[in-house]
């Protein structure tokens, strides 16, 4: 049940979901970098897949980390 709620959170705020699952490590900072680049790209262009990639990365971390 906890992983299901984290996946829902990952679709809304991916870095927070990664932080709640794995703490302050490389995965968290990598997800922040992906999310930041994605948000900046969506502001300056119509390309908004960066935040979606961060969500996929967060879901990957949630599903594979024990």
Protein backbone atom coordinates (compact mmCIF):
# COMPACT_ATOMS: atom_id res chain seq x y z
CA UNK A 1 0.00 0.00 0.00
CA UNK A 2 2.87 2.36 0.85
CA UNK A 3 4.48 1.86 -2.58
CA UNK A 4 1.15 2.57 -4.27
CA UNK A 5 0.88 5.91 -2.45
CA UNK A 6 4.48 6.72 -3.37
CA UNK A 7 3.74 6.03 -7.04
CA UNK A 8 0.80 8.43 -6.88
CA UNK A 9 3.10 11.00 -5.27
CA UNK A 10 5.74 10.33 -7.95
CA UNK A 11 3.28 11.39 -10.61
CA UNK A 12 2.74 14.71 -8.81
CA UNK A 13 6.13 15.53 -7.21
CA UNK A 14 8.79 13.01 -8.30
CA UNK A 15 11.72 14.24 -6.16
CA UNK A 16 9.66 14.05 -2.97
CA UNK A 17 8.69 10.46 -3.71
CA UNK A 18 12.32 9.50 -4.34
CA UNK A 19 13.37 11.24 -1.12
CA UNK A 20 10.72 9.38 0.88
CA UNK A 21 11.82 6.05 -0.60
CA UNK A 22 15.61 6.32 -0.61
CA UNK A 23 16.65 9.42 1.35
CA UNK A 24 19.38 11.88 0.45
CA UNK A 25 21.49 9.93 -2.01
CA UNK A 26 22.47 10.02 -5.68
CA UNK A 27 19.00 8.98 -6.87
CA UNK A 28 17.38 11.94 -5.12
CA UNK A 29 19.80 14.51 -6.53
CA UNK A 30 19.63 12.94 -9.99
CA UNK A 31 15.84 13.13 -9.90
CA UNK A 32 15.99 16.78 -8.80
CA UNK A 33 18.29 17.51 -11.74
CA UNK A 34 15.96 15.77 -14.22
CA UNK A 35 12.92 17.51 -12.78
CA UNK A 36 14.56 20.95 -12.81
CA UNK A 37 15.73 20.60 -16.40
CA UNK A 38 12.30 19.35 -17.39
CA UNK A 39 10.50 22.25 -15.75
CA UNK A 40 12.89 24.79 -17.26
CA UNK A 41 12.47 23.26 -20.71
CA UNK A 42 8.70 23.37 -20.38
CA UNK A 43 8.86 27.06 -19.41
CA UNK A 44 11.05 28.12 -22.32
CA UNK A 45 9.74 25.67 -24.95
CA UNK A 46 6.75 23.42 -25.50
CA UNK A 47 8.84 20.36 -24.62
CA UNK A 48 7.53 19.06 -21.30
CA UNK A 49 8.84 15.50 -21.22
CA UNK A 50 11.54 16.26 -18.64
CA UNK A 51 9.13 16.19 -15.72
CA UNK A 52 7.61 13.02 -17.15
CA UNK A 53 11.06 11.41 -17.29
CA UNK A 54 11.56 12.39 -13.64
CA UNK A 55 8.26 10.68 -12.80
CA UNK A 56 9.35 7.50 -14.61
CA UNK A 57 12.67 7.58 -12.77
CA UNK A 58 10.86 7.99 -9.45
CA UNK A 59 8.56 5.06 -10.21
CA UNK A 60 11.59 2.97 -11.18
CA UNK A 61 13.29 3.77 -7.87
CA UNK A 62 10.11 2.99 -5.90
CA UNK A 63 9.60 -0.36 -7.61
CA UNK A 64 13.20 -1.58 -7.50
CA UNK A 65 14.40 -0.36 -4.09
CA UNK A 66 13.60 -2.44 -1.02
